[in-house]
Amino acid sequence: MFPSRLSSSEHLSTRQYARIVKAWVISIGLDPSIYGTHTLRHSKASLIYRRTKNLRADQLLLGHTKLESIIRYLGIEVGDALDMA
């Protein structure tokens, strides 16, 4: 989906991706010190969780090995997460 400019690499580097996101953020008039690649990652996970309440789906999408990690990442109370599970 996002091929690298370099022929030696199949994919974009994290730095290349960060530059693209920064350019998008600036182009729509937002502050790039507030919005970046991690913000997009966190927002996507939060939206998926809000719509599906599926912690396991978020865990897989984000590549977290422990459910506790995704719970902390989304800011969910452990008790609420256990009730949902």
PDB file of N, CA and C in Angstrom:
ATOM      1  N   MET A   1       0.820  -1.189   0.000  1.00  0.00           N
ATOM      2  CA  MET A   1       0.000   0.000   0.000  1.00  0.00           C
ATOM      3  C   MET A   1       0.871   1.263   0.000  1.00  0.00           C
ATOM      4  N   PHE A   2       1.949   1.251   0.784  1.00  0.00           N
ATOM      5  CA  PHE A   2       2.853   2.390   0.851  1.00  0.00           C
ATOM      6  C   PHE A   2       4.266   1.929   0.485  1.00  0.00           C
ATOM      7  N   PRO A   3       4.563   1.817  -0.800  1.00  0.00           N
ATOM      8  CA  PRO A   3       5.900   1.357  -1.175  1.00  0.00           C
ATOM      9  C   PRO A   3       6.968   2.385  -0.830  1.00  0.00           C
ATOM     10  N   SER A   4       8.140   1.906  -0.591  1.00  0.00           N
ATOM     11  CA  SER A   4       9.275   2.760  -0.258  1.00  0.00           C
ATOM     12  C   SER A   4       9.797   3.469  -1.499  1.00  0.00           C
ATOM     13  N   ARG A   5      10.390   4.635  -1.280  1.00  0.00           N
ATOM     14  CA  ARG A   5      11.067   5.339  -2.375  1.00  0.00           C
ATOM     15  C   ARG A   5      12.379   4.651  -2.703  1.00  0.00           C
ATOM     16  N   LEU A   6      12.890   3.888  -1.766  1.00  0.00           N
ATOM     17  CA  LEU A   6      14.169   3.205  -1.947  1.00  0.00           C
ATOM     18  C   LEU A   6      13.934   1.818  -2.517  1.00  0.00           C
ATOM     19  N   SER A   7      14.672   1.477  -3.524  1.00  0.00           N
ATOM     20  CA  SER A   7      14.469   0.163  -4.140  1.00  0.00           C
ATOM     21  C   SER A   7      14.919  -0.978  -3.235  1.00  0.00           C
ATOM     22  N   SER A   8      15.791  -0.680  -2.260  1.00  0.00           N
ATOM     23  CA  SER A   8      16.298  -1.737  -1.391  1.00  0.00           C
ATOM     24  C   SER A   8      15.304  -2.130  -0.298  1.00  0.00           C
ATOM     25  N   SER A   9      14.254  -1.338  -0.131  1.00  0.00           N
ATOM     26  CA  SER A   9      13.273  -1.626   0.912  1.00  0.00           C
ATOM     27  C   SER A   9      11.881  -1.736   0.304  1.00  0.00           C
ATOM     28  N   GLU A  10      11.149  -2.731   0.753  1.00  0.00           N
ATOM     29  CA  GLU A  10       9.816  -2.968   0.216  1.00  0.00           C
ATOM     30  C   GLU A  10       8.777  -1.995   0.781  1.00  0.00           C
ATOM     31  N   HIS A  11       8.973  -1.553   2.012  1.00  0.00           N
ATOM     32  CA  HIS A  11       7.982  -0.732   2.690  1.00  0.00           C
ATOM     33  C   HIS A  11       8.570   0.603   3.133  1.00  0.00           C
ATOM     34  N   LEU A  12       7.675   1.520   3.498  1.00  0.00           N
ATOM     35  CA  LEU A  12       8.105   2.790   4.074  1.00  0.00           C
ATOM     36  C   LEU A  12       8.783   2.554   5.416  1.00  0.00           C
ATOM     37  N   SER A  13       9.764   3.373   5.703  1.00  0.00           N
ATOM     38  CA  SER A  13      10.344   3.322   7.043  1.00  0.00           C
ATOM     39  C   SER A  13       9.426   4.099   7.979  1.00  0.00           C
ATOM     40  N   THR A  14       9.615   3.911   9.264  1.00  0.00           N
ATOM     41  CA  THR A  14       8.798   4.664  10.222  1.00  0.00           C
ATOM     42  C   THR A  14       9.060   6.155  10.077  1.00  0.00           C
ATOM     43  N   ARG A  15      10.280   6.528   9.755  1.00  0.00           N
ATOM     44  CA  ARG A  15      10.615   7.949   9.574  1.00  0.00           C
ATOM     45  C   ARG A  15       9.920   8.529   8.346  1.00  0.00           C
ATOM     46  N   GLN A  16       9.896   7.757   7.247  1.00  0.00           N
ATOM     47  CA  GLN A  16       9.200   8.222   6.044  1.00  0.00           C
ATOM     48  C   GLN A  16       7.706   8.402   6.338  1.00  0.00           C
ATOM     49  N   TYR A  17       7.131   7.444   7.039  1.00  0.00           N
ATOM     50  CA  TYR A  17       5.715   7.520   7.398  1.00  0.00           C
ATOM     51  C   TYR A  17       5.461   8.748   8.270  1.00  0.00           C
ATOM     52  N   ALA A  18       6.339   9.013   9.225  1.00  0.00           N
ATOM     53  CA  ALA A  18       6.183  10.177  10.098  1.00  0.00           C
ATOM     54  C   ALA A  18       6.233  11.476   9.299  1.00  0.00           C
ATOM     55  N   ARG A  19       7.103  11.539   8.306  1.00  0.00           N
ATOM     56  CA  ARG A  19       7.183  12.740   7.466  1.00  0.00           C
ATOM     57  C   ARG A  19       5.890  12.947   6.676  1.00  0.00           C
ATOM     58  N   ILE A  20       5.322  11.873   6.156  1.00  0.00           N
ATOM     59  CA  ILE A  20       4.072  11.960   5.397  1.00  0.00           C
ATOM     60  C   ILE A  20       2.942  12.448   6.300  1.00  0.00           C
ATOM     61  N   VAL A  21       2.824  11.850   7.480  1.00  0.00           N
ATOM     62  CA  VAL A  21       1.775  12.247   8.420  1.00  0.00           C
ATOM     63  C   VAL A  21       1.952  13.713   8.811  1.00  0.00           C
ATOM     64  N   LYS A  22       3.183  14.125   9.076  1.00  0.00           N
ATOM     65  CA  LYS A  22       3.446  15.517   9.443  1.00  0.00           C
ATOM     66  C   LYS A  22       2.993  16.462   8.319  1.00  0.00           C
ATOM     67  N   ALA A  23       3.291  16.117   7.081  1.00  0.00           N
ATOM     68  CA  ALA A  23       2.873  16.948   5.948  1.00  0.00           C
ATOM     69  C   ALA A  23       1.352  17.024   5.860  1.00  0.00           C
ATOM     70  N   TRP A  24       0.659  15.891   6.090  1.00  0.00           N
ATOM     71  CA  TRP A  24      -0.813  15.888   6.076  1.00  0.00           C
ATOM     72  C   TRP A  24      -1.361  16.793   7.164  1.00  0.00           C
ATOM     73  N   VAL A  25      -0.800  16.657   8.364  1.00  0.00           N
ATOM     74  CA  VAL A  25      -1.263  17.437   9.515  1.00  0.00           C
ATOM     75  C   VAL A  25      -1.088  18.932   9.239  1.00  0.00           C
ATOM     76  N   ILE A  26       0.068  19.314   8.747  1.00  0.00           N
ATOM     77  CA  ILE A  26       0.327  20.723   8.429  1.00  0.00           C
ATOM     78  C   ILE A  26      -0.607  21.203   7.321  1.00  0.00           C
ATOM     79  N   SER A  27      -0.849  20.357   6.315  1.00  0.00           N
ATOM     80  CA  SER A  27      -1.681  20.760   5.178  1.00  0.00           C
ATOM     81  C   SER A  27      -3.128  21.061   5.573  1.00  0.00           C
ATOM     82  N   ILE A  28      -3.590  20.476   6.675  1.00  0.00           N
ATOM     83  CA  ILE A  28      -4.959  20.774   7.113  1.00  0.00           C
ATOM     84  C   ILE A  28      -4.984  21.757   8.281  1.00  0.00           C
ATOM     85  N   GLY A  29      -3.832  22.351   8.565  1.00  0.00           N
ATOM     86  CA  GLY A  29      -3.768  23.427   9.537  1.00  0.00           C
ATOM     87  C   GLY A  29      -3.691  23.024  10.994  1.00  0.00           C
ATOM     88  N   LEU A  30      -3.277  21.786  11.267  1.00  0.00           N
ATOM     89  CA  LEU A  30      -3.148  21.342  12.652  1.00  0.00           C
ATOM     90  C   LEU A  30      -1.692  21.437  13.106  1.00  0.00           C
ATOM     91  N   ASP A  31      -1.490  21.376  14.398  1.00  0.00           N
ATOM     92  CA  ASP A  31      -0.161  21.481  14.978  1.00  0.00           C
ATOM     93  C   ASP A  31       0.515  20.106  14.966  1.00  0.00           C
ATOM     94  N   PRO A  32       1.611  19.951  14.214  1.00  0.00           N
ATOM     95  CA  PRO A  32       2.269  18.640  14.134  1.00  0.00           C
ATOM     96  C   PRO A  32       2.910  18.187  15.435  1.00  0.00           C
ATOM     97  N   SER A  33       3.065  19.075  16.401  1.00  0.00           N
ATOM     98  CA  SER A  33       3.610  18.634  17.689  1.00  0.00           C
ATOM     99  C   SER A  33       2.531  17.943  18.532  1.00  0.00           C
ATOM    100  N   ILE A  34       1.279  18.100  18.134  1.00  0.00           N
ATOM    101  CA  ILE A  34       0.172  17.466  18.857  1.00  0.00           C
ATOM    102  C   ILE A  34      -0.324  16.207  18.141  1.00  0.00           C
ATOM    103  N   TYR A  35      -0.292  16.224  16.802  1.00  0.00           N
ATOM    104  CA  TYR A  35      -0.817  15.116  16.012  1.00  0.00           C
ATOM    105  C   TYR A  35       0.313  14.439  15.254  1.00  0.00           C
ATOM    106  N   GLY A  36       0.401  13.124  15.412  1.00  0.00           N
ATOM    107  CA  GLY A  36       1.464  12.384  14.727  1.00  0.00           C
ATOM    108  C   GLY A  36       1.075  10.940  14.517  1.00  0.00           C
ATOM    109  N   THR A  37       2.055  10.118  14.212  1.00  0.00           N
ATOM    110  CA  THR A  37       1.796   8.717  13.901  1.00  0.00           C
ATOM    111  C   THR A  37       1.198   7.968  15.092  1.00  0.00           C
ATOM    112  N   HIS A  38       1.696   8.243  16.282  1.00  0.00           N
ATOM    113  CA  HIS A  38       1.166   7.539  17.453  1.00  0.00           C
ATOM    114  C   HIS A  38      -0.266   7.978  17.752  1.00  0.00           C
ATOM    115  N   THR A  39      -0.568   9.247  17.518  1.00  0.00           N
ATOM    116  CA  THR A  39      -1.931   9.745  17.710  1.00  0.00           C
ATOM    117  C   THR A  39      -2.891   8.994  16.797  1.00  0.00           C
ATOM    118  N   LEU A  40      -2.490   8.791  15.533  1.00  0.00           N
ATOM    119  CA  LEU A  40      -3.344   8.048  14.596  1.00  0.00           C
ATOM    120  C   LEU A  40      -3.540   6.610  15.062  1.00  0.00           C
ATOM    121  N   ARG A  41      -2.471   5.997  15.514  1.00  0.00           N
ATOM    122  CA  ARG A  41      -2.543   4.606  16.002  1.00  0.00           C
ATOM    123  C   ARG A  41      -3.497   4.507  17.184  1.00  0.00           C
ATOM    124  N   HIS A  42      -3.356   5.425  18.122  1.00  0.00           N
ATOM    125  CA  HIS A  42      -4.196   5.425  19.314  1.00  0.00           C
ATOM    126  C   HIS A  42      -5.655   5.716  18.947  1.00  0.00           C
ATOM    127  N   SER A  43      -5.879   6.657  18.061  1.00  0.00           N
ATOM    128  CA  SER A  43      -7.242   7.015  17.649  1.00  0.00           C
ATOM    129  C   SER A  43      -7.938   5.840  16.978  1.00  0.00           C
ATOM    130  N   LYS A  44      -7.234   5.158  16.083  1.00  0.00           N
ATOM    131  CA  LYS A  44      -7.824   4.009  15.397  1.00  0.00           C
ATOM    132  C   LYS A  44      -8.211   2.920  16.395  1.00  0.00           C
ATOM    133  N   ALA A  45      -7.320   2.623  17.328  1.00  0.00           N
ATOM    134  CA  ALA A  45      -7.622   1.600  18.331  1.00  0.00           C
ATOM    135  C   ALA A  45      -8.816   2.018  19.187  1.00  0.00           C
ATOM    136  N   SER A  46      -8.884   3.273  19.559  1.00  0.00           N
ATOM    137  CA  SER A  46      -9.997   3.763  20.377  1.00  0.00           C
ATOM    138  C   SER A  46     -11.319   3.682  19.625  1.00  0.00           C
ATOM    139  N   LEU A  47     -11.297   4.044  18.342  1.00  0.00           N
ATOM    140  CA  LEU A  47     -12.523   3.975  17.534  1.00  0.00           C
ATOM    141  C   LEU A  47     -13.009   2.537  17.378  1.00  0.00           C
ATOM    142  N   ILE A  48     -12.091   1.631  17.116  1.00  0.00           N
ATOM    143  CA  ILE A  48     -12.471   0.218  16.975  1.00  0.00           C
ATOM    144  C   ILE A  48     -13.058  -0.298  18.282  1.00  0.00           C
ATOM    145  N   TYR A  49     -12.411   0.029  19.380  1.00  0.00           N
ATOM    146  CA  TYR A  49     -12.919  -0.434  20.674  1.00  0.00           C
ATOM    147  C   TYR A  49     -14.302   0.149  20.953  1.00  0.00           C
ATOM    148  N   ARG A  50     -14.462   1.447  20.706  1.00  0.00           N
ATOM    149  CA  ARG A  50     -15.746   2.101  20.972  1.00  0.00           C
ATOM    150  C   ARG A  50     -16.879   1.474  20.169  1.00  0.00           C
ATOM    151  N   ARG A  51     -16.586   1.116  18.930  1.00  0.00           N
ATOM    152  CA  ARG A  51     -17.633   0.561  18.061  1.00  0.00           C
ATOM    153  C   ARG A  51     -17.907  -0.913  18.314  1.00  0.00           C
ATOM    154  N   THR A  52     -16.883  -1.671  18.677  1.00  0.00           N
ATOM    155  CA  THR A  52     -17.063  -3.117  18.781  1.00  0.00           C
ATOM    156  C   THR A  52     -16.994  -3.657  20.205  1.00  0.00           C
ATOM    157  N   LYS A  53     -16.356  -2.916  21.103  1.00  0.00           N
ATOM    158  CA  LYS A  53     -16.087  -3.383  22.471  1.00  0.00           C
ATOM    159  C   LYS A  53     -15.278  -4.677  22.451  1.00  0.00           C
ATOM    160  N   ASN A  54     -14.511  -4.880  21.379  1.00  0.00           N
ATOM    161  CA  ASN A  54     -13.733  -6.103  21.204  1.00  0.00           C
ATOM    162  C   ASN A  54     -12.260  -5.828  21.520  1.00  0.00           C
ATOM    163  N   LEU A  55     -11.882  -6.124  22.742  1.00  0.00           N
ATOM    164  CA  LEU A  55     -10.496  -5.907  23.161  1.00  0.00           C
ATOM    165  C   LEU A  55      -9.527  -6.790  22.392  1.00  0.00           C
ATOM    166  N   ARG A  56      -9.933  -7.993  22.089  1.00  0.00           N
ATOM    167  CA  ARG A  56      -9.057  -8.938  21.384  1.00  0.00           C
ATOM    168  C   ARG A  56      -8.722  -8.421  19.980  1.00  0.00           C
ATOM    169  N   ALA A  57      -9.707  -7.846  19.283  1.00  0.00           N
ATOM    170  CA  ALA A  57      -9.456  -7.292  17.950  1.00  0.00           C
ATOM    171  C   ALA A  57      -8.436  -6.168  18.035  1.00  0.00           C
ATOM    172  N   ASP A  58      -8.601  -5.281  18.995  1.00  0.00           N
ATOM    173  CA  ASP A  58      -7.636  -4.198  19.180  1.00  0.00           C
ATOM    174  C   ASP A  58      -6.260  -4.746  19.522  1.00  0.00           C
ATOM    175  N   GLN A  59      -6.231  -5.741  20.368  1.00  0.00           N
ATOM    176  CA  GLN A  59      -4.956  -6.344  20.767  1.00  0.00           C
ATOM    177  C   GLN A  59      -4.222  -6.883  19.542  1.00  0.00           C
ATOM    178  N   LEU A  60      -4.926  -7.577  18.677  1.00  0.00           N
ATOM    179  CA  LEU A  60      -4.312  -8.141  17.478  1.00  0.00           C
ATOM    180  C   LEU A  60      -3.867  -7.041  16.512  1.00  0.00           C
ATOM    181  N   LEU A  61      -4.705  -6.034  16.306  1.00  0.00           N
ATOM    182  CA  LEU A  61      -4.366  -4.955  15.381  1.00  0.00           C
ATOM    183  C   LEU A  61      -3.137  -4.172  15.827  1.00  0.00           C
ATOM    184  N   LEU A  62      -2.996  -3.973  17.129  1.00  0.00           N
ATOM    185  CA  LEU A  62      -1.876  -3.195  17.644  1.00  0.00           C
ATOM    186  C   LEU A  62      -0.637  -4.041  17.905  1.00  0.00           C
ATOM    187  N   GLY A  63      -0.796  -5.358  17.853  1.00  0.00           N
ATOM    188  CA  GLY A  63       0.347  -6.230  18.065  1.00  0.00           C
ATOM    189  C   GLY A  63       0.758  -6.348  19.520  1.00  0.00           C
ATOM    190  N   HIS A  64      -0.165  -6.094  20.430  1.00  0.00           N
ATOM    191  CA  HIS A  64       0.145  -6.240  21.856  1.00  0.00           C
ATOM    192  C   HIS A  64       0.027  -7.709  22.235  1.00  0.00           C
ATOM    193  N   THR A  65       0.989  -8.199  22.996  1.00  0.00           N
ATOM    194  CA  THR A  65       0.951  -9.607  23.381  1.00  0.00           C
ATOM    195  C   THR A  65       0.106  -9.835  24.628  1.00  0.00           C
ATOM    196  N   LYS A  66       0.001  -8.834  25.475  1.00  0.00           N
ATOM    197  CA  LYS A  66      -0.761  -8.981  26.717  1.00  0.00           C
ATOM    198  C   LYS A  66      -2.019  -8.132  26.681  1.00  0.00           C
ATOM    199  N   LEU A  67      -3.107  -8.697  27.173  1.00  0.00           N
ATOM    200  CA  LEU A  67      -4.359  -7.957  27.242  1.00  0.00           C
ATOM    201  C   LEU A  67      -4.214  -6.733  28.151  1.00  0.00           C
ATOM    202  N   GLU A  68      -3.379  -6.860  29.182  1.00  0.00           N
ATOM    203  CA  GLU A  68      -3.162  -5.740  30.098  1.00  0.00           C
ATOM    204  C   GLU A  68      -2.589  -4.525  29.364  1.00  0.00           C
ATOM    205  N   SER A  69      -1.786  -4.770  28.354  1.00  0.00           N
ATOM    206  CA  SER A  69      -1.189  -3.676  27.583  1.00  0.00           C
ATOM    207  C   SER A  69      -2.253  -2.889  26.843  1.00  0.00           C
ATOM    208  N   ILE A  70      -3.169  -3.586  26.205  1.00  0.00           N
ATOM    209  CA  ILE A  70      -4.219  -2.899  25.445  1.00  0.00           C
ATOM    210  C   ILE A  70      -5.178  -2.183  26.389  1.00  0.00           C
ATOM    211  N   ILE A  71      -5.410  -2.748  27.552  1.00  0.00           N
ATOM    212  CA  ILE A  71      -6.273  -2.103  28.546  1.00  0.00           C
ATOM    213  C   ILE A  71      -5.661  -0.779  28.984  1.00  0.00           C
ATOM    214  N   ARG A  72      -4.386  -0.780  29.299  1.00  0.00           N
ATOM    215  CA  ARG A  72      -3.680   0.460  29.668  1.00  0.00           C
ATOM    216  C   ARG A  72      -3.665   1.446  28.515  1.00  0.00           C
ATOM    217  N   TYR A  73      -3.402   0.944  27.322  1.00  0.00           N
ATOM    218  CA  TYR A  73      -3.289   1.774  26.129  1.00  0.00           C
ATOM    219  C   TYR A  73      -4.590   2.527  25.855  1.00  0.00           C
ATOM    220  N   LEU A  74      -5.710   1.838  26.041  1.00  0.00           N
ATOM    221  CA  LEU A  74      -7.012   2.457  25.780  1.00  0.00           C
ATOM    222  C   LEU A  74      -7.562   3.202  26.986  1.00  0.00           C
ATOM    223  N   GLY A  75      -6.927   3.052  28.135  1.00  0.00           N
ATOM    224  CA  GLY A  75      -7.384   3.748  29.327  1.00  0.00           C
ATOM    225  C   GLY A  75      -8.644   3.141  29.924  1.00  0.00           C
ATOM    226  N   ILE A  76      -8.773   1.848  29.815  1.00  0.00           N
ATOM    227  CA  ILE A  76      -9.944   1.131  30.337  1.00  0.00           C
ATOM    228  C   ILE A  76      -9.614   0.621  31.730  1.00  0.00           C
ATOM    229  N   GLU A  77     -10.591   0.646  32.599  1.00  0.00           N
ATOM    230  CA  GLU A  77     -10.400   0.084  33.935  1.00  0.00           C
ATOM    231  C   GLU A  77     -10.311  -1.449  33.826  1.00  0.00           C
ATOM    232  N   VAL A  78      -9.436  -2.050  34.575  1.00  0.00           N
ATOM    233  CA  VAL A  78      -9.236  -3.508  34.521  1.00  0.00           C
ATOM    234  C   VAL A  78     -10.522  -4.247  34.852  1.00  0.00           C
ATOM    235  N   GLY A  79     -11.240  -3.792  35.859  1.00  0.00           N
ATOM    236  CA  GLY A  79     -12.503  -4.441  36.220  1.00  0.00           C
ATOM    237  C   GLY A  79     -13.503  -4.426  35.083  1.00  0.00           C
ATOM    238  N   ASP A  80     -13.621  -3.288  34.386  1.00  0.00           N
ATOM    239  CA  ASP A  80     -14.533  -3.183  33.246  1.00  0.00           C
ATOM    240  C   ASP A  80     -14.103  -4.126  32.136  1.00  0.00           C
ATOM    241  N   ALA A  81     -12.798  -4.220  31.895  1.00  0.00           N
ATOM    242  CA  ALA A  81     -12.292  -5.095  30.855  1.00  0.00           C
ATOM    243  C   ALA A  81     -12.589  -6.558  31.190  1.00  0.00           C
ATOM    244  N   LEU A  82     -12.422  -6.925  32.447  1.00  0.00           N
ATOM    245  CA  LEU A  82     -12.718  -8.298  32.856  1.00  0.00           C
ATOM    246  C   LEU A  82     -14.201  -8.618  32.719  1.00  0.00           C
ATOM    247  N   ASP A  83     -15.048  -7.644  33.044  1.00  0.00           N
ATOM    248  CA  ASP A  83     -16.493  -7.831  32.872  1.00  0.00           C
ATOM    249  C   ASP A  83     -16.841  -8.067  31.401  1.00  0.00           C
ATOM    250  N   MET A  84     -16.205  -7.311  30.518  1.00  0.00           N
ATOM    251  CA  MET A  84     -16.467  -7.450  29.085  1.00  0.00           C
ATOM    252  C   MET A  84     -15.970  -8.773  28.551  1.00  0.00           C
ATOM    253  N   ALA A  85     -14.811  -9.203  29.068  1.00  0.00           N
ATOM    254  CA  ALA A  85     -14.228 -10.462  28.593  1.00  0.00           C
ATOM    255  C   ALA A  85     -15.067 -11.631  29.065  1.00  0.00           C
TER     256      ALA A  85
END
